[in-house]
N, C-alpha and C. Protein backbone atom coordinates (compact mmCIF):
# COMPACT_ATOMS: atom_id res chain seq x y z
N MET A 1 -4.64 -28.43 55.74
CA MET A 1 -3.29 -27.92 55.90
C MET A 1 -2.44 -28.92 56.69
N ASP A 2 -1.13 -28.79 56.54
CA ASP A 2 -0.23 -29.64 57.33
C ASP A 2 -0.22 -29.14 58.77
N LYS A 3 -0.26 -30.08 59.70
CA LYS A 3 -0.27 -29.74 61.11
C LYS A 3 1.13 -29.47 61.63
N PHE A 4 2.14 -30.14 61.03
CA PHE A 4 3.53 -30.01 61.47
C PHE A 4 4.44 -29.79 60.27
N ASN A 5 5.56 -29.15 60.53
CA ASN A 5 6.55 -28.92 59.47
C ASN A 5 7.96 -29.08 60.05
N PHE A 6 8.55 -30.25 59.80
CA PHE A 6 9.92 -30.54 60.20
C PHE A 6 10.71 -30.95 58.97
N ASN A 7 12.02 -30.99 59.08
CA ASN A 7 12.76 -31.64 58.01
C ASN A 7 12.78 -33.14 58.27
N ARG A 8 13.23 -33.90 57.29
CA ARG A 8 13.16 -35.36 57.42
C ARG A 8 13.99 -35.87 58.59
N GLU A 9 15.17 -35.31 58.76
CA GLU A 9 16.03 -35.77 59.85
C GLU A 9 15.37 -35.56 61.20
N GLU A 10 14.78 -34.37 61.40
CA GLU A 10 14.09 -34.09 62.66
C GLU A 10 12.92 -35.04 62.85
N MET A 11 12.15 -35.28 61.79
CA MET A 11 10.97 -36.13 61.89
C MET A 11 11.36 -37.58 62.13
N THR A 12 12.44 -38.01 61.53
CA THR A 12 12.91 -39.38 61.75
C THR A 12 13.33 -39.58 63.20
N LEU A 13 14.01 -38.61 63.76
CA LEU A 13 14.41 -38.68 65.17
C LEU A 13 13.18 -38.72 66.08
N LEU A 14 12.17 -37.92 65.75
CA LEU A 14 10.93 -37.92 66.54
C LEU A 14 10.22 -39.26 66.44
N ALA A 15 10.22 -39.84 65.24
CA ALA A 15 9.59 -41.16 65.06
C ALA A 15 10.30 -42.22 65.89
N LYS A 16 11.64 -42.17 65.90
CA LYS A 16 12.42 -43.13 66.69
C LYS A 16 12.17 -42.93 68.19
N LYS A 17 12.06 -41.67 68.59
CA LYS A 17 11.80 -41.37 70.00
C LYS A 17 10.44 -41.91 70.43
N ASN A 18 9.48 -41.89 69.52
CA ASN A 18 8.12 -42.34 69.83
C ASN A 18 7.85 -43.78 69.42
N LEU A 19 8.92 -44.52 69.07
CA LEU A 19 8.76 -45.87 68.53
C LEU A 19 7.99 -46.79 69.47
N ALA A 20 8.39 -46.85 70.73
CA ALA A 20 7.74 -47.75 71.68
C ALA A 20 6.26 -47.42 71.83
N ASN A 21 5.95 -46.13 71.90
CA ASN A 21 4.56 -45.71 72.04
C ASN A 21 3.75 -46.07 70.79
N SER A 22 4.35 -45.89 69.61
CA SER A 22 3.65 -46.22 68.37
C SER A 22 3.36 -47.71 68.29
N ILE A 23 4.34 -48.53 68.66
CA ILE A 23 4.15 -49.99 68.63
C ILE A 23 3.11 -50.40 69.67
N TYR A 24 3.18 -49.80 70.85
CA TYR A 24 2.19 -50.12 71.89
C TYR A 24 0.78 -49.81 71.42
N ASN A 25 0.57 -48.62 70.85
CA ASN A 25 -0.77 -48.25 70.39
C ASN A 25 -1.26 -49.17 69.28
N SER A 26 -0.37 -49.54 68.35
CA SER A 26 -0.75 -50.45 67.27
C SER A 26 -1.11 -51.82 67.81
N ALA A 27 -0.37 -52.28 68.81
CA ALA A 27 -0.67 -53.57 69.42
C ALA A 27 -2.02 -53.54 70.13
N ARG A 28 -2.29 -52.46 70.85
CA ARG A 28 -3.57 -52.35 71.55
C ARG A 28 -4.73 -52.24 70.56
N LEU A 29 -4.48 -51.62 69.40
CA LEU A 29 -5.50 -51.54 68.36
C LEU A 29 -5.90 -52.92 67.88
N GLU A 30 -4.98 -53.87 67.99
CA GLU A 30 -5.24 -55.26 67.62
C GLU A 30 -5.64 -56.11 68.83
N ASN A 31 -5.98 -55.45 69.93
CA ASN A 31 -6.42 -56.14 71.16
C ASN A 31 -5.34 -57.00 71.80
N VAL A 32 -4.09 -56.67 71.55
CA VAL A 32 -2.99 -57.37 72.21
C VAL A 32 -2.87 -56.85 73.64
N ILE A 33 -2.86 -57.76 74.59
CA ILE A 33 -2.71 -57.40 76.00
C ILE A 33 -1.22 -57.32 76.31
N VAL A 34 -0.72 -56.10 76.41
CA VAL A 34 0.70 -55.88 76.63
C VAL A 34 0.87 -54.56 77.36
N SER A 35 1.96 -54.41 78.07
CA SER A 35 2.23 -53.16 78.78
C SER A 35 3.31 -52.37 78.04
N PRO A 36 3.39 -51.05 78.27
CA PRO A 36 4.46 -50.26 77.65
C PRO A 36 5.85 -50.77 78.01
N SER A 37 6.03 -51.22 79.25
CA SER A 37 7.36 -51.73 79.65
C SER A 37 7.70 -53.01 78.90
N GLN A 38 6.70 -53.85 78.63
CA GLN A 38 6.95 -55.07 77.87
C GLN A 38 7.36 -54.73 76.43
N ILE A 39 6.73 -53.71 75.86
CA ILE A 39 7.10 -53.26 74.52
C ILE A 39 8.56 -52.81 74.52
N GLU A 40 8.94 -52.04 75.52
CA GLU A 40 10.33 -51.58 75.63
C GLU A 40 11.28 -52.76 75.68
N ASN A 41 10.94 -53.77 76.47
CA ASN A 41 11.80 -54.95 76.60
C ASN A 41 11.91 -55.71 75.28
N ILE A 42 10.81 -55.83 74.56
CA ILE A 42 10.83 -56.54 73.28
C ILE A 42 11.71 -55.79 72.29
N ILE A 43 11.58 -54.47 72.24
CA ILE A 43 12.41 -53.65 71.35
C ILE A 43 13.90 -53.86 71.67
N GLU A 44 14.19 -54.02 72.95
CA GLU A 44 15.59 -54.22 73.39
C GLU A 44 16.05 -55.67 73.23
N GLY A 45 15.14 -56.53 72.74
CA GLY A 45 15.52 -57.92 72.48
C GLY A 45 15.43 -58.83 73.67
N LYS A 46 14.77 -58.40 74.74
CA LYS A 46 14.65 -59.22 75.94
C LYS A 46 13.47 -60.19 75.81
N SER A 47 13.59 -61.33 76.44
CA SER A 47 12.56 -62.36 76.39
C SER A 47 11.38 -61.98 77.27
N ILE A 48 10.16 -62.20 76.73
CA ILE A 48 8.92 -61.91 77.49
C ILE A 48 8.11 -63.20 77.54
N ALA A 49 8.35 -63.99 78.55
CA ALA A 49 7.76 -65.33 78.62
C ALA A 49 6.25 -65.30 78.81
N GLU A 50 5.73 -64.26 79.48
CA GLU A 50 4.31 -64.28 79.83
C GLU A 50 3.38 -63.87 78.69
N LEU A 51 3.93 -63.44 77.56
CA LEU A 51 3.09 -63.02 76.44
C LEU A 51 2.65 -64.22 75.61
N ASP A 52 1.40 -64.18 75.14
CA ASP A 52 0.90 -65.18 74.21
C ASP A 52 1.75 -65.15 72.94
N SER A 53 2.02 -66.31 72.37
CA SER A 53 2.92 -66.38 71.21
C SER A 53 2.37 -65.61 70.02
N GLY A 54 1.04 -65.63 69.86
CA GLY A 54 0.42 -64.89 68.76
C GLY A 54 0.57 -63.39 68.96
N ASP A 55 0.39 -62.94 70.19
CA ASP A 55 0.54 -61.52 70.50
C ASP A 55 1.99 -61.07 70.31
N LEU A 56 2.92 -61.94 70.72
CA LEU A 56 4.33 -61.62 70.55
C LEU A 56 4.68 -61.50 69.07
N GLN A 57 4.08 -62.37 68.26
CA GLN A 57 4.33 -62.31 66.81
C GLN A 57 3.87 -60.97 66.23
N ILE A 58 2.71 -60.49 66.66
CA ILE A 58 2.20 -59.20 66.19
C ILE A 58 3.18 -58.09 66.54
N ILE A 59 3.69 -58.10 67.77
CA ILE A 59 4.60 -57.05 68.22
C ILE A 59 5.94 -57.12 67.47
N LEU A 60 6.46 -58.33 67.31
CA LEU A 60 7.72 -58.47 66.56
C LEU A 60 7.54 -58.02 65.12
N ASN A 61 6.40 -58.32 64.54
CA ASN A 61 6.11 -57.88 63.18
C ASN A 61 6.07 -56.35 63.09
N LEU A 62 5.48 -55.72 64.09
CA LEU A 62 5.44 -54.27 64.12
C LEU A 62 6.84 -53.69 64.23
N CYS A 63 7.67 -54.28 65.06
CA CYS A 63 9.06 -53.83 65.19
C CYS A 63 9.79 -53.93 63.86
N ASN A 64 9.62 -55.05 63.17
CA ASN A 64 10.30 -55.25 61.89
C ASN A 64 9.78 -54.28 60.83
N ALA A 65 8.48 -54.02 60.85
CA ALA A 65 7.91 -53.08 59.88
C ALA A 65 8.41 -51.67 60.11
N TRP A 66 8.56 -51.28 61.37
CA TRP A 66 9.10 -49.96 61.67
C TRP A 66 10.55 -49.85 61.22
N SER A 67 11.32 -50.90 61.42
CA SER A 67 12.71 -50.90 60.98
C SER A 67 12.78 -50.72 59.46
N PHE A 68 11.94 -51.44 58.76
CA PHE A 68 11.89 -51.33 57.29
C PHE A 68 11.50 -49.91 56.88
N LEU A 69 10.46 -49.39 57.50
CA LEU A 69 9.97 -48.06 57.13
C LEU A 69 11.05 -47.00 57.30
N LEU A 70 11.70 -46.99 58.45
CA LEU A 70 12.68 -45.95 58.74
C LEU A 70 13.93 -46.08 57.87
N ASN A 71 14.16 -47.27 57.33
CA ASN A 71 15.32 -47.48 56.47
C ASN A 71 14.99 -47.37 54.98
N HIS A 72 13.72 -47.12 54.66
CA HIS A 72 13.31 -47.05 53.26
C HIS A 72 12.46 -45.82 52.97
N LEU A 73 12.79 -44.72 53.62
CA LEU A 73 12.04 -43.49 53.38
C LEU A 73 12.26 -42.94 51.98
N ASP A 74 13.36 -43.32 51.35
CA ASP A 74 13.63 -42.86 49.99
C ASP A 74 12.88 -43.66 48.93
N ASP A 75 12.31 -44.79 49.33
CA ASP A 75 11.55 -45.60 48.37
C ASP A 75 10.30 -44.84 47.92
N LYS A 76 9.91 -45.08 46.70
CA LYS A 76 8.67 -44.47 46.19
C LYS A 76 7.47 -45.11 46.86
N MET A 77 6.52 -44.27 47.27
CA MET A 77 5.27 -44.81 47.81
C MET A 77 4.48 -45.43 46.66
N SER A 78 4.17 -46.69 46.78
CA SER A 78 3.53 -47.44 45.70
C SER A 78 2.86 -48.68 46.26
N LEU A 79 2.19 -49.41 45.39
CA LEU A 79 1.62 -50.69 45.82
C LEU A 79 2.71 -51.65 46.24
N ASP A 80 3.84 -51.64 45.54
CA ASP A 80 4.95 -52.52 45.92
C ASP A 80 5.44 -52.21 47.34
N PHE A 81 5.51 -50.92 47.67
CA PHE A 81 5.93 -50.54 49.02
C PHE A 81 4.92 -51.06 50.05
N ALA A 82 3.63 -50.89 49.75
CA ALA A 82 2.58 -51.37 50.66
C ALA A 82 2.66 -52.88 50.84
N CYS A 83 2.96 -53.60 49.75
CA CYS A 83 3.10 -55.05 49.83
C CYS A 83 4.29 -55.43 50.72
N ASN A 84 5.38 -54.70 50.59
CA ASN A 84 6.55 -54.97 51.43
C ASN A 84 6.24 -54.74 52.91
N VAL A 85 5.48 -53.68 53.19
CA VAL A 85 5.07 -53.42 54.57
C VAL A 85 4.16 -54.54 55.08
N ASN A 86 3.19 -54.92 54.28
CA ASN A 86 2.26 -55.98 54.70
C ASN A 86 2.98 -57.31 54.89
N ASN A 87 4.01 -57.55 54.09
CA ASN A 87 4.80 -58.77 54.22
C ASN A 87 5.41 -58.88 55.61
N LEU A 88 5.79 -57.74 56.19
CA LEU A 88 6.36 -57.71 57.53
C LEU A 88 5.28 -57.67 58.60
N VAL A 89 4.27 -56.84 58.39
CA VAL A 89 3.20 -56.66 59.37
C VAL A 89 2.41 -57.95 59.61
N SER A 90 2.19 -58.72 58.54
CA SER A 90 1.32 -59.90 58.63
C SER A 90 2.08 -61.22 58.58
N PHE A 91 3.38 -61.17 58.73
CA PHE A 91 4.18 -62.39 58.68
C PHE A 91 3.67 -63.43 59.66
N ASN A 92 3.41 -64.62 59.13
CA ASN A 92 2.91 -65.75 59.93
C ASN A 92 1.55 -65.50 60.57
N GLU A 93 0.81 -64.51 60.06
CA GLU A 93 -0.51 -64.20 60.63
C GLU A 93 -1.65 -64.39 59.64
N SER A 94 -1.40 -64.18 58.35
CA SER A 94 -2.50 -64.16 57.38
C SER A 94 -2.39 -65.32 56.41
N LEU A 95 -3.39 -65.43 55.54
CA LEU A 95 -3.43 -66.50 54.55
C LEU A 95 -2.24 -66.43 53.60
N ASP A 96 -1.89 -65.21 53.19
CA ASP A 96 -0.81 -65.02 52.22
C ASP A 96 -0.27 -63.61 52.38
N TRP A 97 0.67 -63.44 53.29
CA TRP A 97 1.13 -62.09 53.63
C TRP A 97 1.97 -61.48 52.52
N GLY A 98 1.84 -60.15 52.38
CA GLY A 98 2.64 -59.42 51.40
C GLY A 98 2.11 -59.47 49.98
N LYS A 99 0.96 -60.08 49.79
CA LYS A 99 0.39 -60.19 48.44
C LYS A 99 -1.02 -59.60 48.43
N LEU A 100 -1.33 -58.94 47.32
CA LEU A 100 -2.66 -58.37 47.15
C LEU A 100 -3.71 -59.48 47.30
N ARG A 101 -4.77 -59.16 48.03
CA ARG A 101 -5.82 -60.16 48.28
C ARG A 101 -6.44 -60.64 46.97
N TYR A 102 -6.66 -61.96 46.87
CA TYR A 102 -7.23 -62.53 45.65
C TYR A 102 -8.51 -63.33 45.93
N GLY A 103 -9.11 -63.07 47.09
CA GLY A 103 -10.37 -63.73 47.43
C GLY A 103 -11.20 -62.81 48.30
N ASP A 104 -12.41 -63.23 48.61
CA ASP A 104 -13.32 -62.40 49.41
C ASP A 104 -12.97 -62.44 50.89
N VAL A 105 -13.23 -61.34 51.56
CA VAL A 105 -13.10 -61.27 53.01
C VAL A 105 -14.30 -60.51 53.57
N GLY A 106 -14.59 -60.77 54.83
CA GLY A 106 -15.61 -59.99 55.54
C GLY A 106 -14.93 -59.14 56.59
N ILE A 107 -15.65 -58.12 57.04
CA ILE A 107 -15.13 -57.24 58.09
C ILE A 107 -16.05 -57.37 59.29
N ASN A 108 -15.48 -57.71 60.44
CA ASN A 108 -16.28 -57.92 61.64
C ASN A 108 -17.13 -56.71 61.98
N GLY A 109 -18.41 -56.95 62.23
CA GLY A 109 -19.29 -55.91 62.72
C GLY A 109 -19.93 -55.02 61.68
N VAL A 110 -19.62 -55.25 60.40
CA VAL A 110 -20.23 -54.43 59.35
C VAL A 110 -20.74 -55.31 58.23
N ASN A 111 -21.70 -54.79 57.46
CA ASN A 111 -22.25 -55.52 56.32
C ASN A 111 -21.44 -55.30 55.06
N PHE A 112 -20.70 -54.20 55.00
CA PHE A 112 -19.91 -53.88 53.82
C PHE A 112 -18.89 -54.97 53.54
N GLN A 113 -18.83 -55.40 52.27
CA GLN A 113 -17.82 -56.36 51.86
C GLN A 113 -17.02 -55.77 50.71
N PRO A 114 -15.73 -55.52 50.92
CA PRO A 114 -14.92 -54.93 49.85
C PRO A 114 -14.74 -55.90 48.70
N SER A 115 -14.68 -55.37 47.49
CA SER A 115 -14.46 -56.21 46.32
C SER A 115 -13.02 -56.70 46.28
N ILE A 116 -12.78 -57.72 45.51
CA ILE A 116 -11.42 -58.23 45.37
C ILE A 116 -10.59 -57.19 44.61
N PRO A 117 -9.48 -56.75 45.18
CA PRO A 117 -8.70 -55.69 44.53
C PRO A 117 -8.05 -56.17 43.23
N VAL A 118 -8.04 -55.27 42.25
CA VAL A 118 -7.39 -55.53 40.96
C VAL A 118 -6.10 -54.71 40.92
N LYS A 119 -4.99 -55.34 40.70
CA LYS A 119 -3.68 -54.69 40.83
C LYS A 119 -3.61 -53.37 40.06
N LYS A 120 -3.99 -53.38 38.81
CA LYS A 120 -3.89 -52.17 37.98
C LYS A 120 -4.76 -51.05 38.55
N GLU A 121 -5.96 -51.40 39.02
CA GLU A 121 -6.87 -50.39 39.57
C GLU A 121 -6.33 -49.83 40.88
N VAL A 122 -5.73 -50.68 41.70
CA VAL A 122 -5.14 -50.23 42.96
C VAL A 122 -3.98 -49.27 42.68
N GLN A 123 -3.14 -49.63 41.74
CA GLN A 123 -2.01 -48.77 41.38
C GLN A 123 -2.49 -47.40 40.90
N ILE A 124 -3.55 -47.39 40.10
CA ILE A 124 -4.10 -46.12 39.62
C ILE A 124 -4.65 -45.30 40.77
N GLU A 125 -5.36 -45.96 41.69
CA GLU A 125 -5.95 -45.23 42.82
C GLU A 125 -4.87 -44.65 43.72
N ILE A 126 -3.82 -45.41 43.98
CA ILE A 126 -2.71 -44.90 44.79
C ILE A 126 -2.07 -43.69 44.10
N ASN A 127 -1.84 -43.80 42.81
CA ASN A 127 -1.27 -42.68 42.06
C ASN A 127 -2.19 -41.46 42.09
N ASN A 128 -3.50 -41.70 42.02
CA ASN A 128 -4.46 -40.60 42.08
C ASN A 128 -4.39 -39.87 43.42
N ILE A 129 -4.28 -40.64 44.50
CA ILE A 129 -4.17 -40.04 45.83
C ILE A 129 -2.89 -39.23 45.95
N LEU A 130 -1.79 -39.80 45.48
CA LEU A 130 -0.49 -39.13 45.59
C LEU A 130 -0.40 -37.91 44.67
N SER A 131 -1.25 -37.87 43.65
CA SER A 131 -1.22 -36.76 42.70
C SER A 131 -2.21 -35.65 43.05
N LEU A 132 -2.93 -35.80 44.14
CA LEU A 132 -3.89 -34.78 44.55
C LEU A 132 -3.19 -33.43 44.76
N ASP A 133 -3.89 -32.37 44.40
CA ASP A 133 -3.39 -31.01 44.68
C ASP A 133 -3.74 -30.70 46.13
N ALA A 134 -2.95 -31.27 47.03
CA ALA A 134 -3.28 -31.21 48.46
C ALA A 134 -2.00 -31.35 49.26
N THR A 135 -2.13 -31.15 50.56
CA THR A 135 -0.98 -31.28 51.45
C THR A 135 -0.57 -32.75 51.59
N ILE A 136 0.65 -32.97 52.05
CA ILE A 136 1.13 -34.32 52.34
C ILE A 136 0.25 -34.97 53.41
N THR A 137 -0.14 -34.21 54.41
CA THR A 137 -0.99 -34.74 55.47
C THR A 137 -2.30 -35.26 54.91
N HIS A 138 -2.90 -34.49 54.02
CA HIS A 138 -4.16 -34.92 53.41
C HIS A 138 -3.96 -36.21 52.61
N LYS A 139 -2.91 -36.27 51.81
CA LYS A 139 -2.65 -37.46 51.02
C LYS A 139 -2.42 -38.68 51.91
N ALA A 140 -1.70 -38.49 53.01
CA ALA A 140 -1.40 -39.60 53.92
C ALA A 140 -2.68 -40.15 54.54
N ILE A 141 -3.54 -39.25 55.01
CA ILE A 141 -4.78 -39.71 55.64
C ILE A 141 -5.70 -40.35 54.60
N MET A 142 -5.76 -39.78 53.41
CA MET A 142 -6.61 -40.34 52.36
C MET A 142 -6.12 -41.73 51.96
N TYR A 143 -4.79 -41.91 51.88
CA TYR A 143 -4.29 -43.25 51.57
C TYR A 143 -4.64 -44.22 52.70
N MET A 144 -4.46 -43.78 53.92
CA MET A 144 -4.76 -44.62 55.08
C MET A 144 -6.20 -45.10 55.04
N LEU A 145 -7.13 -44.20 54.79
CA LEU A 145 -8.54 -44.57 54.74
C LEU A 145 -8.84 -45.48 53.56
N TYR A 146 -8.23 -45.19 52.42
CA TYR A 146 -8.43 -46.03 51.23
C TYR A 146 -7.94 -47.46 51.50
N GLY A 147 -6.75 -47.59 52.06
CA GLY A 147 -6.19 -48.92 52.31
C GLY A 147 -7.00 -49.72 53.30
N MET A 148 -7.52 -49.04 54.32
CA MET A 148 -8.33 -49.73 55.32
C MET A 148 -9.65 -50.22 54.74
N ARG A 149 -10.35 -49.32 54.06
CA ARG A 149 -11.70 -49.68 53.58
C ARG A 149 -11.66 -50.73 52.48
N ASN A 150 -10.67 -50.68 51.63
CA ASN A 150 -10.62 -51.61 50.50
C ASN A 150 -9.97 -52.94 50.84
N GLN A 151 -9.41 -53.04 52.06
CA GLN A 151 -8.88 -54.34 52.52
C GLN A 151 -8.01 -54.97 51.43
N LEU A 152 -6.95 -54.27 51.06
CA LEU A 152 -6.10 -54.71 49.97
C LEU A 152 -5.43 -56.05 50.23
N PHE A 153 -5.24 -56.37 51.51
CA PHE A 153 -4.52 -57.58 51.88
C PHE A 153 -5.40 -58.51 52.71
N TRP A 154 -4.93 -59.73 52.90
CA TRP A 154 -5.71 -60.70 53.65
C TRP A 154 -5.85 -60.32 55.12
N ASP A 155 -4.84 -59.69 55.66
CA ASP A 155 -4.87 -59.30 57.07
C ASP A 155 -3.90 -58.13 57.26
N GLY A 156 -4.03 -57.45 58.39
CA GLY A 156 -3.11 -56.37 58.71
C GLY A 156 -3.36 -55.09 57.94
N ASN A 157 -4.58 -54.89 57.47
CA ASN A 157 -4.85 -53.72 56.63
C ASN A 157 -4.79 -52.41 57.40
N LYS A 158 -5.27 -52.38 58.63
CA LYS A 158 -5.17 -51.13 59.41
C LYS A 158 -3.70 -50.80 59.67
N ARG A 159 -2.95 -51.81 60.11
CA ARG A 159 -1.54 -51.59 60.41
C ARG A 159 -0.76 -51.18 59.15
N THR A 160 -0.99 -51.88 58.06
CA THR A 160 -0.29 -51.56 56.81
C THR A 160 -0.62 -50.16 56.34
N SER A 161 -1.88 -49.77 56.42
CA SER A 161 -2.31 -48.45 55.96
C SER A 161 -1.70 -47.35 56.81
N ILE A 162 -1.62 -47.56 58.12
CA ILE A 162 -1.02 -46.57 59.00
C ILE A 162 0.48 -46.45 58.72
N PHE A 163 1.15 -47.56 58.50
CA PHE A 163 2.58 -47.52 58.16
C PHE A 163 2.81 -46.74 56.87
N CYS A 164 1.99 -46.99 55.87
CA CYS A 164 2.17 -46.30 54.59
C CYS A 164 1.89 -44.81 54.73
N ALA A 165 0.89 -44.46 55.52
CA ALA A 165 0.63 -43.04 55.78
C ALA A 165 1.82 -42.42 56.49
N ASN A 166 2.40 -43.13 57.43
CA ASN A 166 3.54 -42.60 58.17
C ASN A 166 4.79 -42.50 57.29
N LYS A 167 4.92 -43.36 56.31
CA LYS A 167 6.03 -43.21 55.37
C LYS A 167 5.98 -41.84 54.70
N LEU A 168 4.80 -41.46 54.23
CA LEU A 168 4.64 -40.15 53.59
C LEU A 168 4.89 -39.01 54.57
N LEU A 169 4.34 -39.14 55.76
CA LEU A 169 4.46 -38.08 56.76
C LEU A 169 5.90 -37.89 57.22
N ILE A 170 6.57 -38.98 57.57
CA ILE A 170 7.94 -38.89 58.08
C ILE A 170 8.88 -38.40 56.97
N GLU A 171 8.70 -38.94 55.77
CA GLU A 171 9.54 -38.55 54.63
C GLU A 171 9.52 -37.04 54.42
N HIS A 172 8.36 -36.43 54.63
CA HIS A 172 8.21 -35.00 54.36
C HIS A 172 8.16 -34.15 55.64
N GLY A 173 8.37 -34.79 56.80
CA GLY A 173 8.42 -34.03 58.04
C GLY A 173 7.09 -33.50 58.53
N LYS A 174 6.02 -34.26 58.30
CA LYS A 174 4.67 -33.76 58.59
C LYS A 174 4.00 -34.42 59.79
N GLY A 175 4.76 -35.09 60.63
CA GLY A 175 4.16 -35.68 61.82
C GLY A 175 4.11 -37.19 61.77
N LEU A 176 3.29 -37.75 62.61
CA LEU A 176 3.23 -39.20 62.80
C LEU A 176 1.81 -39.58 63.21
N ILE A 177 1.24 -40.57 62.54
CA ILE A 177 -0.10 -41.05 62.91
C ILE A 177 0.01 -42.25 63.83
N THR A 178 -0.66 -42.19 64.95
CA THR A 178 -0.85 -43.34 65.83
C THR A 178 -2.21 -43.18 66.48
N ILE A 179 -2.93 -44.29 66.64
CA ILE A 179 -4.25 -44.24 67.30
C ILE A 179 -4.00 -44.45 68.78
N PRO A 180 -4.03 -43.40 69.60
CA PRO A 180 -3.74 -43.56 71.03
C PRO A 180 -4.72 -44.53 71.69
N GLU A 181 -4.22 -45.28 72.65
CA GLU A 181 -5.08 -46.26 73.33
C GLU A 181 -6.34 -45.61 73.87
N LYS A 182 -6.24 -44.38 74.39
CA LYS A 182 -7.40 -43.72 74.98
C LYS A 182 -8.47 -43.36 73.96
N HIS A 183 -8.11 -43.37 72.66
CA HIS A 183 -9.07 -43.02 71.62
C HIS A 183 -9.52 -44.22 70.78
N ILE A 184 -9.04 -45.43 71.11
CA ILE A 184 -9.40 -46.61 70.31
C ILE A 184 -10.90 -46.86 70.33
N SER A 185 -11.54 -46.67 71.49
CA SER A 185 -12.98 -46.91 71.59
C SER A 185 -13.78 -45.93 70.73
N GLU A 186 -13.21 -44.78 70.46
CA GLU A 186 -13.85 -43.81 69.58
C GLU A 186 -13.55 -44.11 68.11
N PHE A 187 -12.37 -44.62 67.87
CA PHE A 187 -11.93 -44.90 66.50
C PHE A 187 -12.75 -46.00 65.85
N HIS A 188 -13.00 -47.10 66.55
CA HIS A 188 -13.66 -48.26 65.94
C HIS A 188 -15.05 -47.95 65.36
N PRO A 189 -15.94 -47.29 66.10
CA PRO A 189 -17.25 -46.98 65.49
C PRO A 189 -17.15 -46.00 64.32
N LEU A 190 -16.20 -45.08 64.39
CA LEU A 190 -16.00 -44.17 63.25
C LEU A 190 -15.54 -44.94 62.02
N LEU A 191 -14.65 -45.91 62.23
CA LEU A 191 -14.16 -46.72 61.12
C LEU A 191 -15.29 -47.59 60.56
N SER A 192 -16.10 -48.16 61.43
CA SER A 192 -17.23 -48.98 60.97
C SER A 192 -18.21 -48.14 60.14
N HIS A 193 -18.48 -46.94 60.61
CA HIS A 193 -19.37 -46.04 59.86
C HIS A 193 -18.78 -45.73 58.49
N TYR A 194 -17.48 -45.51 58.45
CA TYR A 194 -16.82 -45.23 57.18
C TYR A 194 -16.89 -46.44 56.25
N TYR A 195 -16.67 -47.63 56.79
CA TYR A 195 -16.79 -48.84 55.98
C TYR A 195 -18.18 -48.93 55.34
N GLU A 196 -19.19 -48.71 56.15
CA GLU A 196 -20.56 -48.90 55.69
C GLU A 196 -21.01 -47.83 54.69
N THR A 197 -20.57 -46.59 54.89
CA THR A 197 -21.12 -45.46 54.12
C THR A 197 -20.16 -44.87 53.10
N ASN A 198 -18.85 -45.11 53.27
CA ASN A 198 -17.82 -44.46 52.46
C ASN A 198 -17.81 -42.95 52.66
N GLU A 199 -18.37 -42.51 53.78
CA GLU A 199 -18.34 -41.09 54.14
C GLU A 199 -17.18 -40.90 55.12
N GLY A 200 -16.13 -40.22 54.67
CA GLY A 200 -14.91 -40.19 55.44
C GLY A 200 -14.63 -38.92 56.22
N ASP A 201 -15.50 -37.92 56.15
CA ASP A 201 -15.21 -36.64 56.79
C ASP A 201 -14.98 -36.77 58.30
N GLU A 202 -15.86 -37.50 58.96
CA GLU A 202 -15.79 -37.58 60.42
C GLU A 202 -14.52 -38.29 60.88
N ILE A 203 -14.20 -39.42 60.28
CA ILE A 203 -13.01 -40.14 60.70
C ILE A 203 -11.74 -39.40 60.25
N TYR A 204 -11.82 -38.70 59.13
CA TYR A 204 -10.68 -37.89 58.67
C TYR A 204 -10.33 -36.85 59.73
N HIS A 205 -11.32 -36.12 60.21
CA HIS A 205 -11.06 -35.07 61.20
C HIS A 205 -10.64 -35.66 62.54
N PHE A 206 -11.16 -36.83 62.88
CA PHE A 206 -10.73 -37.52 64.09
C PHE A 206 -9.24 -37.84 64.01
N ILE A 207 -8.80 -38.39 62.89
CA ILE A 207 -7.39 -38.73 62.72
C ILE A 207 -6.53 -37.48 62.78
N TYR A 208 -6.94 -36.43 62.08
CA TYR A 208 -6.16 -35.20 62.03
C TYR A 208 -6.05 -34.56 63.42
N ASN A 209 -7.15 -34.53 64.14
CA ASN A 209 -7.18 -33.80 65.42
C ASN A 209 -6.68 -34.61 66.60
N LYS A 210 -6.85 -35.95 66.57
CA LYS A 210 -6.55 -36.75 67.76
C LYS A 210 -5.46 -37.82 67.56
N CYS A 211 -5.04 -38.02 66.32
CA CYS A 211 -4.11 -39.13 66.07
C CYS A 211 -2.85 -38.70 65.33
N LEU A 212 -2.69 -37.41 65.10
CA LEU A 212 -1.53 -36.90 64.37
C LEU A 212 -0.62 -36.17 65.36
N TYR A 213 0.59 -36.70 65.53
CA TYR A 213 1.49 -36.20 66.56
C TYR A 213 2.86 -35.85 65.98
N ALA A 214 3.66 -35.21 66.81
CA ALA A 214 5.06 -34.96 66.47
C ALA A 214 5.88 -34.97 67.76
């Protein structure tokens, strides 16, 4: 079932209100050493000299991706939308940002190796998820898990998948997914288990119960 029920305008305002916290949590998920106040300053366009340039790039990319998301809620959720998000999330970070992966990748800490994604098959799978006889919340989490495990892009797959899930949620007023810093240590082993086994029940309930906010 859906955990929250708002209209789009209300949900968009809530997403904007929680923007700094969402960016902070996403940055910490990527092991970026940053404080909430530094995130606030970056959002406001202030210079942060003490941040590593690579870490700053991740945060600026997150800011740009959020701007795109909130301004494109009317766009159809599709592979093209996911590519546009990844283009912003992984700018100057990956081998070829914004494009479907065309070579092999490994995932740190697990033996599972995702196959090279085929555009037509990815499009079908996304359509299948969106066509489920299920709540928007369920579809959003299922897409998020699918995007993460299949590593559709060269880099930024967790961030891209969360953004795409949030597009669905915010568009329909169903809340906002963010992995709180206090739960990151719990999230990683659940994600690794999901990668290895493709058994998603445990991480699904973790996301629903601990990472879905309004």
